Amino acid sequence: GVDLDDVRWDGAALSGRSRGVPGDPYILYLTEPDGYAFDKAEAEGAKLEKIEREGKTVRINLAPASNGPLSWTVRFSTR
């Protein structure tokens, strides 16, 4: 996506830096990798508002605090 500045996978967590707009929700759509289960999400520069799961899809709603970058980390546990 054009709003993603950086994305990294370290084997247990996916982290990234994105650009959001205050007042507009920023939504991450992720698919759980085979052998992993969503554990938790964290964000800096945005409020974590809601997490929804449907099958292997995880939807994370963030509310950006400013026009600056927001950083997020999604942790997974192994099954």
PDB file of N, CA and C in Angstrom:
ATOM      1  N   GLY A   1       0.811  -1.178   0.000  1.00  0.00           N
ATOM      2  CA  GLY A   1       0.000   0.000   0.000  1.00  0.00           C
ATOM      3  C   GLY A   1       0.863   1.253   0.000  1.00  0.00           C
ATOM      4  N   VAL A   2       0.365   2.303  -0.578  1.00  0.00           N
ATOM      5  CA  VAL A   2       1.104   3.559  -0.679  1.00  0.00           C
ATOM      6  C   VAL A   2       1.213   4.269   0.662  1.00  0.00           C
ATOM      7  N   ASP A   3       0.397   3.895   1.640  1.00  0.00           N
ATOM      8  CA  ASP A   3       0.462   4.531   2.946  1.00  0.00           C
ATOM      9  C   ASP A   3       1.428   3.820   3.888  1.00  0.00           C
ATOM     10  N   LEU A   4       2.040   2.722   3.436  1.00  0.00           N
ATOM     11  CA  LEU A   4       3.001   1.984   4.251  1.00  0.00           C
ATOM     12  C   LEU A   4       4.410   2.491   3.955  1.00  0.00           C
ATOM     13  N   ASP A   5       5.086   2.969   5.010  1.00  0.00           N
ATOM     14  CA  ASP A   5       6.455   3.447   4.840  1.00  0.00           C
ATOM     15  C   ASP A   5       7.472   2.344   5.090  1.00  0.00           C
ATOM     16  N   ASP A   6       7.118   1.379   5.931  1.00  0.00           N
ATOM     17  CA  ASP A   6       8.061   0.320   6.291  1.00  0.00           C
ATOM     18  C   ASP A   6       7.273  -0.839   6.884  1.00  0.00           C
ATOM     19  N   VAL A   7       7.601  -2.059   6.501  1.00  0.00           N
ATOM     20  CA  VAL A   7       6.968  -3.257   7.061  1.00  0.00           C
ATOM     21  C   VAL A   7       8.049  -4.305   7.241  1.00  0.00           C
ATOM     22  N   ARG A   8       8.052  -4.956   8.426  1.00  0.00           N
ATOM     23  CA  ARG A   8       9.057  -5.991   8.724  1.00  0.00           C
ATOM     24  C   ARG A   8       8.411  -7.156   9.454  1.00  0.00           C
ATOM     25  N   TRP A   9       8.885  -8.356   9.166  1.00  0.00           N
ATOM     26  CA  TRP A   9       8.460  -9.578   9.834  1.00  0.00           C
ATOM     27  C   TRP A   9       9.691 -10.161  10.506  1.00  0.00           C
ATOM     28  N   ASP A  10       9.601 -10.412  11.836  1.00  0.00           N
ATOM     29  CA  ASP A  10      10.760 -10.964  12.534  1.00  0.00           C
ATOM     30  C   ASP A  10      10.546 -12.418  12.976  1.00  0.00           C
ATOM     31  N   GLY A  11       9.506 -13.055  12.500  1.00  0.00           N
ATOM     32  CA  GLY A  11       9.247 -14.447  12.845  1.00  0.00           C
ATOM     33  C   GLY A  11       8.193 -14.610  13.916  1.00  0.00           C
ATOM     34  N   ALA A  12       7.903 -13.568  14.691  1.00  0.00           N
ATOM     35  CA  ALA A  12       6.852 -13.621  15.700  1.00  0.00           C
ATOM     36  C   ALA A  12       6.002 -12.354  15.701  1.00  0.00           C
ATOM     37  N   ALA A  13       6.468 -11.339  14.975  1.00  0.00           N
ATOM     38  CA  ALA A  13       5.732 -10.075  14.953  1.00  0.00           C
ATOM     39  C   ALA A  13       5.898  -9.397  13.596  1.00  0.00           C
ATOM     40  N   LEU A  14       4.834  -8.720  13.198  1.00  0.00           N
ATOM     41  CA  LEU A  14       4.844  -7.891  12.002  1.00  0.00           C
ATOM     42  C   LEU A  14       4.798  -6.459  12.504  1.00  0.00           C
ATOM     43  N   SER A  15       5.729  -5.629  12.053  1.00  0.00           N
ATOM     44  CA  SER A  15       5.737  -4.240  12.485  1.00  0.00           C
ATOM     45  C   SER A  15       5.857  -3.340  11.271  1.00  0.00           C
ATOM     46  N   GLY A  16       5.403  -2.120  11.453  1.00  0.00           N
ATOM     47  CA  GLY A  16       5.472  -1.198  10.334  1.00  0.00           C
ATOM     48  C   GLY A  16       5.263   0.235  10.756  1.00  0.00           C
ATOM     49  N   ARG A  17       5.464   1.100   9.784  1.00  0.00           N
ATOM     50  CA  ARG A  17       5.235   2.528   9.953  1.00  0.00           C
ATOM     51  C   ARG A  17       4.330   2.944   8.813  1.00  0.00           C
ATOM     52  N   SER A  18       3.286   3.679   9.152  1.00  0.00           N
ATOM     53  CA  SER A  18       2.290   4.088   8.163  1.00  0.00           C
ATOM     54  C   SER A  18       2.025   5.575   8.288  1.00  0.00           C
ATOM     55  N   ARG A  19       1.288   6.085   7.313  1.00  0.00           N
ATOM     56  CA  ARG A  19       0.851   7.476   7.346  1.00  0.00           C
ATOM     57  C   ARG A  19      -0.659   7.498   7.440  1.00  0.00           C
ATOM     58  N   GLY A  20      -1.152   8.161   8.471  1.00  0.00           N
ATOM     59  CA  GLY A  20      -2.598   8.280   8.649  1.00  0.00           C
ATOM     60  C   GLY A  20      -3.009   9.740   8.661  1.00  0.00           C
ATOM     61  N   VAL A  21      -4.301   9.957   8.735  1.00  0.00           N
ATOM     62  CA  VAL A  21      -4.859  11.307   8.772  1.00  0.00           C
ATOM     63  C   VAL A  21      -5.724  11.418  10.020  1.00  0.00           C
ATOM     64  N   PRO A  22      -5.454  12.394  10.897  1.00  0.00           N
ATOM     65  CA  PRO A  22      -6.277  12.556  12.089  1.00  0.00           C
ATOM     66  C   PRO A  22      -7.748  12.720  11.717  1.00  0.00           C
ATOM     67  N   GLY A  23      -8.617  12.067  12.459  1.00  0.00           N
ATOM     68  CA  GLY A  23     -10.049  12.130  12.182  1.00  0.00           C
ATOM     69  C   GLY A  23     -10.524  11.060  11.220  1.00  0.00           C
ATOM     70  N   ASP A  24      -9.618  10.427  10.502  1.00  0.00           N
ATOM     71  CA  ASP A  24      -9.969   9.329   9.595  1.00  0.00           C
ATOM     72  C   ASP A  24      -9.429   8.033  10.173  1.00  0.00           C
ATOM     73  N   PRO A  25     -10.272   7.008  10.254  1.00  0.00           N
ATOM     74  CA  PRO A  25      -9.768   5.742  10.781  1.00  0.00           C
ATOM     75  C   PRO A  25      -8.698   5.156   9.858  1.00  0.00           C
ATOM     76  N   TYR A  26      -7.711   4.517  10.464  1.00  0.00           N
ATOM     77  CA  TYR A  26      -6.684   3.804   9.710  1.00  0.00           C
ATOM     78  C   TYR A  26      -6.886   2.333  10.028  1.00  0.00           C
ATOM     79  N   ILE A  27      -7.082   1.525   9.022  1.00  0.00           N
ATOM     80  CA  ILE A  27      -7.411   0.119   9.235  1.00  0.00           C
ATOM     81  C   ILE A  27      -6.352  -0.770   8.604  1.00  0.00           C
ATOM     82  N   LEU A  28      -5.806  -1.665   9.413  1.00  0.00           N
ATOM     83  CA  LEU A  28      -4.878  -2.688   8.937  1.00  0.00           C
ATOM     84  C   LEU A  28      -5.658  -3.984   8.751  1.00  0.00           C
ATOM     85  N   TYR A  29      -5.517  -4.600   7.601  1.00  0.00           N
ATOM     86  CA  TYR A  29      -6.087  -5.919   7.346  1.00  0.00           C
ATOM     87  C   TYR A  29      -4.925  -6.895   7.237  1.00  0.00           C
ATOM     88  N   LEU A  30      -4.907  -7.893   8.095  1.00  0.00           N
ATOM     89  CA  LEU A  30      -3.824  -8.876   8.108  1.00  0.00           C
ATOM     90  C   LEU A  30      -4.394 -10.283   8.031  1.00  0.00           C
ATOM     91  N   THR A  31      -3.620 -11.192   7.489  1.00  0.00           N
ATOM     92  CA  THR A  31      -3.975 -12.603   7.453  1.00  0.00           C
ATOM     93  C   THR A  31      -3.000 -13.356   8.333  1.00  0.00           C
ATOM     94  N   GLU A  32      -3.530 -14.163   9.254  1.00  0.00           N
ATOM     95  CA  GLU A  32      -2.661 -14.968  10.110  1.00  0.00           C
ATOM     96  C   GLU A  32      -1.861 -15.943   9.257  1.00  0.00           C
ATOM     97  N   PRO A  33      -0.551 -15.974   9.433  1.00  0.00           N
ATOM     98  CA  PRO A  33       0.255 -16.951   8.698  1.00  0.00           C
ATOM     99  C   PRO A  33      -0.058 -18.368   9.195  1.00  0.00           C
ATOM    100  N   ASP A  34       0.086 -19.354   8.336  1.00  0.00           N
ATOM    101  CA  ASP A  34      -0.113 -20.741   8.750  1.00  0.00           C
ATOM    102  C   ASP A  34       0.799 -21.047   9.931  1.00  0.00           C
ATOM    103  N   GLY A  35       0.245 -21.700  10.935  1.00  0.00           N
ATOM    104  CA  GLY A  35       1.013 -22.071  12.120  1.00  0.00           C
ATOM    105  C   GLY A  35       1.082 -20.991  13.182  1.00  0.00           C
ATOM    106  N   TYR A  36       0.473 -19.827  12.942  1.00  0.00           N
ATOM    107  CA  TYR A  36       0.493 -18.713  13.886  1.00  0.00           C
ATOM    108  C   TYR A  36      -0.933 -18.287  14.216  1.00  0.00           C
ATOM    109  N   ALA A  37      -1.090 -17.668  15.392  1.00  0.00           N
ATOM    110  CA  ALA A  37      -2.375 -17.113  15.801  1.00  0.00           C
ATOM    111  C   ALA A  37      -2.145 -15.684  16.292  1.00  0.00           C
ATOM    112  N   PHE A  38      -3.040 -14.783  15.946  1.00  0.00           N
ATOM    113  CA  PHE A  38      -2.956 -13.396  16.406  1.00  0.00           C
ATOM    114  C   PHE A  38      -2.917 -13.383  17.931  1.00  0.00           C
ATOM    115  N   ASP A  39      -2.017 -12.567  18.498  1.00  0.00           N
ATOM    116  CA  ASP A  39      -1.890 -12.464  19.948  1.00  0.00           C
ATOM    117  C   ASP A  39      -2.312 -11.076  20.420  1.00  0.00           C
ATOM    118  N   LYS A  40      -1.609 -10.020  19.941  1.00  0.00           N
ATOM    119  CA  LYS A  40      -1.968  -8.667  20.346  1.00  0.00           C
ATOM    120  C   LYS A  40      -1.414  -7.648  19.365  1.00  0.00           C
ATOM    121  N   ALA A  41      -1.959  -6.441  19.456  1.00  0.00           N
ATOM    122  CA  ALA A  41      -1.509  -5.336  18.606  1.00  0.00           C
ATOM    123  C   ALA A  41      -1.155  -4.154  19.504  1.00  0.00           C
ATOM    124  N   GLU A  42      -0.160  -3.385  19.073  1.00  0.00           N
ATOM    125  CA  GLU A  42       0.268  -2.181  19.770  1.00  0.00           C
ATOM    126  C   GLU A  42       0.472  -1.082  18.740  1.00  0.00           C
ATOM    127  N   ALA A  43       0.286   0.169  19.167  1.00  0.00           N
ATOM    128  CA  ALA A  43       0.480   1.286  18.234  1.00  0.00           C
ATOM    129  C   ALA A  43       1.051   2.487  18.964  1.00  0.00           C
ATOM    130  N   GLU A  44       1.893   3.256  18.264  1.00  0.00           N
ATOM    131  CA  GLU A  44       2.406   4.541  18.732  1.00  0.00           C
ATOM    132  C   GLU A  44       2.001   5.581  17.702  1.00  0.00           C
ATOM    133  N   GLY A  45       1.493   6.699  18.165  1.00  0.00           N
ATOM    134  CA  GLY A  45       1.045   7.741  17.258  1.00  0.00           C
ATOM    135  C   GLY A  45      -0.391   7.555  16.813  1.00  0.00           C
ATOM    136  N   ALA A  46      -1.054   6.570  17.411  1.00  0.00           N
ATOM    137  CA  ALA A  46      -2.455   6.301  17.103  1.00  0.00           C
ATOM    138  C   ALA A  46      -3.076   5.541  18.264  1.00  0.00           C
ATOM    139  N   LYS A  47      -4.362   5.738  18.454  1.00  0.00           N
ATOM    140  CA  LYS A  47      -5.104   5.003  19.481  1.00  0.00           C
ATOM    141  C   LYS A  47      -5.636   3.709  18.861  1.00  0.00           C
ATOM    142  N   LEU A  48      -5.429   2.617  19.548  1.00  0.00           N
ATOM    143  CA  LEU A  48      -5.959   1.329  19.117  1.00  0.00           C
ATOM    144  C   LEU A  48      -7.436   1.293  19.515  1.00  0.00           C
ATOM    145  N   GLU A  49      -8.338   1.300  18.522  1.00  0.00           N
ATOM    146  CA  GLU A  49      -9.761   1.406  18.816  1.00  0.00           C
ATOM    147  C   GLU A  49     -10.491   0.072  18.854  1.00  0.00           C
ATOM    148  N   LYS A  50     -10.198  -0.800  17.905  1.00  0.00           N
ATOM    149  CA  LYS A  50     -10.958  -2.051  17.839  1.00  0.00           C
ATOM    150  C   LYS A  50     -10.168  -3.084  17.057  1.00  0.00           C
ATOM    151  N   ILE A  51     -10.301  -4.336  17.495  1.00  0.00           N
ATOM    152  CA  ILE A  51      -9.700  -5.460  16.781  1.00  0.00           C
ATOM    153  C   ILE A  51     -10.814  -6.464  16.508  1.00  0.00           C
ATOM    154  N   GLU A  52     -10.939  -6.872  15.255  1.00  0.00           N
ATOM    155  CA  GLU A  52     -11.953  -7.851  14.868  1.00  0.00           C
ATOM    156  C   GLU A  52     -11.275  -9.008  14.146  1.00  0.00           C
ATOM    157  N   ARG A  53     -11.784 -10.198  14.372  1.00  0.00           N
ATOM    158  CA  ARG A  53     -11.255 -11.381  13.697  1.00  0.00           C
ATOM    159  C   ARG A  53     -12.387 -12.093  12.983  1.00  0.00           C
ATOM    160  N   GLU A  54     -12.088 -12.530  11.779  1.00  0.00           N
ATOM    161  CA  GLU A  54     -13.025 -13.354  11.013  1.00  0.00           C
ATOM    162  C   GLU A  54     -12.192 -14.398  10.288  1.00  0.00           C
ATOM    163  N   GLY A  55     -12.277 -15.632  10.751  1.00  0.00           N
ATOM    164  CA  GLY A  55     -11.428 -16.674  10.187  1.00  0.00           C
ATOM    165  C   GLY A  55      -9.971 -16.334  10.432  1.00  0.00           C
ATOM    166  N   LYS A  56      -9.171 -16.308   9.384  1.00  0.00           N
ATOM    167  CA  LYS A  56      -7.742 -15.986   9.501  1.00  0.00           C
ATOM    168  C   LYS A  56      -7.448 -14.505   9.277  1.00  0.00           C
ATOM    169  N   THR A  57      -8.486 -13.701   9.064  1.00  0.00           N
ATOM    170  CA  THR A  57      -8.306 -12.270   8.825  1.00  0.00           C
ATOM    171  C   THR A  57      -8.453 -11.491  10.129  1.00  0.00           C
ATOM    172  N   VAL A  58      -7.506 -10.588  10.374  1.00  0.00           N
ATOM    173  CA  VAL A  58      -7.530  -9.710  11.541  1.00  0.00           C
ATOM    174  C   VAL A  58      -7.657  -8.281  11.027  1.00  0.00           C
ATOM    175  N   ARG A  59      -8.647  -7.550  11.552  1.00  0.00           N
ATOM    176  CA  ARG A  59      -8.861  -6.150  11.174  1.00  0.00           C
ATOM    177  C   ARG A  59      -8.564  -5.300  12.402  1.00  0.00           C
ATOM    178  N   ILE A  60      -7.603  -4.380  12.268  1.00  0.00           N
ATOM    179  CA  ILE A  60      -7.181  -3.538  13.377  1.00  0.00           C
ATOM    180  C   ILE A  60      -7.506  -2.089  13.040  1.00  0.00           C
ATOM    181  N   ASN A  61      -8.390  -1.475  13.827  1.00  0.00           N
ATOM    182  CA  ASN A  61      -8.794  -0.089  13.608  1.00  0.00           C
ATOM    183  C   ASN A  61      -7.960   0.822  14.500  1.00  0.00           C
ATOM    184  N   LEU A  62      -7.289   1.797  13.879  1.00  0.00           N
ATOM    185  CA  LEU A  62      -6.469   2.770  14.596  1.00  0.00           C
ATOM    186  C   LEU A  62      -6.998   4.173  14.333  1.00  0.00           C
ATOM    187  N   ALA A  63      -6.848   5.049  15.322  1.00  0.00           N
ATOM    188  CA  ALA A  63      -7.214   6.462  15.172  1.00  0.00           C
ATOM    189  C   ALA A  63      -5.925   7.279  15.270  1.00  0.00           C
ATOM    190  N   PRO A  64      -5.385   7.778  14.134  1.00  0.00           N
ATOM    191  CA  PRO A  64      -4.146   8.548  14.151  1.00  0.00           C
ATOM    192  C   PRO A  64      -4.264   9.798  15.021  1.00  0.00           C
ATOM    193  N   ALA A  65      -3.194  10.103  15.759  1.00  0.00           N
ATOM    194  CA  ALA A  65      -3.177  11.260  16.650  1.00  0.00           C
ATOM    195  C   ALA A  65      -2.740  12.535  15.932  1.00  0.00           C
ATOM    196  N   SER A  66      -1.988  12.397  14.832  1.00  0.00           N
ATOM    197  CA  SER A  66      -1.485  13.574  14.122  1.00  0.00           C
ATOM    198  C   SER A  66      -1.232  13.201  12.662  1.00  0.00           C
ATOM    199  N   ASN A  67      -0.726  14.171  11.898  1.00  0.00           N
ATOM    200  CA  ASN A  67      -0.382  13.898  10.503  1.00  0.00           C
ATOM    201  C   ASN A  67       0.940  13.155  10.373  1.00  0.00           C
ATOM    202  N   GLY A  68       1.653  13.000  11.462  1.00  0.00           N
ATOM    203  CA  GLY A  68       2.937  12.323  11.438  1.00  0.00           C
ATOM    204  C   GLY A  68       2.772  10.816  11.290  1.00  0.00           C
ATOM    205  N   PRO A  69       3.887  10.118  11.223  1.00  0.00           N
ATOM    206  CA  PRO A  69       3.831   8.663  11.053  1.00  0.00           C
ATOM    207  C   PRO A  69       3.286   7.986  12.302  1.00  0.00           C
ATOM    208  N   LEU A  70       2.681   6.842  12.093  1.00  0.00           N
ATOM    209  CA  LEU A  70       2.259   6.002  13.205  1.00  0.00           C
ATOM    210  C   LEU A  70       2.965   4.664  13.058  1.00  0.00           C
ATOM    211  N   SER A  71       3.391   4.129  14.183  1.00  0.00           N
ATOM    212  CA  SER A  71       4.083   2.843  14.193  1.00  0.00           C
ATOM    213  C   SER A  71       3.183   1.806  14.834  1.00  0.00           C
ATOM    214  N   TRP A  72       3.218   0.612  14.316  1.00  0.00           N
ATOM    215  CA  TRP A  72       2.383  -0.453  14.856  1.00  0.00           C
ATOM    216  C   TRP A  72       3.157  -1.768  14.858  1.00  0.00           C
ATOM    217  N   THR A  73       2.773  -2.626  15.790  1.00  0.00           N
ATOM    218  CA  THR A  73       3.345  -3.956  15.900  1.00  0.00           C
ATOM    219  C   THR A  73       2.211  -4.939  16.170  1.00  0.00           C
ATOM    220  N   VAL A  74       2.186  -6.015  15.436  1.00  0.00           N
ATOM    221  CA  VAL A  74       1.196  -7.077  15.639  1.00  0.00           C
ATOM    222  C   VAL A  74       1.967  -8.329  15.987  1.00  0.00           C
ATOM    223  N   ARG A  75       1.692  -8.888  17.160  1.00  0.00           N
ATOM    224  CA  ARG A  75       2.398 -10.075  17.629  1.00  0.00           C
ATOM    225  C   ARG A  75       1.544 -11.316  17.401  1.00  0.00           C
ATOM    226  N   PHE A  76       2.250 -12.402  17.076  1.00  0.00           N
ATOM    227  CA  PHE A  76       1.606 -13.685  16.839  1.00  0.00           C
ATOM    228  C   PHE A  76       2.234 -14.732  17.744  1.00  0.00           C
ATOM    229  N   SER A  77       1.453 -15.725  18.119  1.00  0.00           N
ATOM    230  CA  SER A  77       1.983 -16.870  18.856  1.00  0.00           C
ATOM    231  C   SER A  77       1.916 -18.075  17.915  1.00  0.00           C
ATOM    232  N   THR A  78       2.769 -19.053  18.185  1.00  0.00           N
ATOM    233  CA  THR A  78       2.756 -20.263  17.352  1.00  0.00           C
ATOM    234  C   THR A  78       1.700 -21.218  17.861  1.00  0.00           C
ATOM    235  N   ARG A  79       1.122 -21.959  16.943  1.00  0.00           N
ATOM    236  CA  ARG A  79       0.084 -22.929  17.301  1.00  0.00           C
ATOM    237  C   ARG A  79       0.705 -24.260  17.582  1.00  0.00           C
TER     238      ARG A  79
END
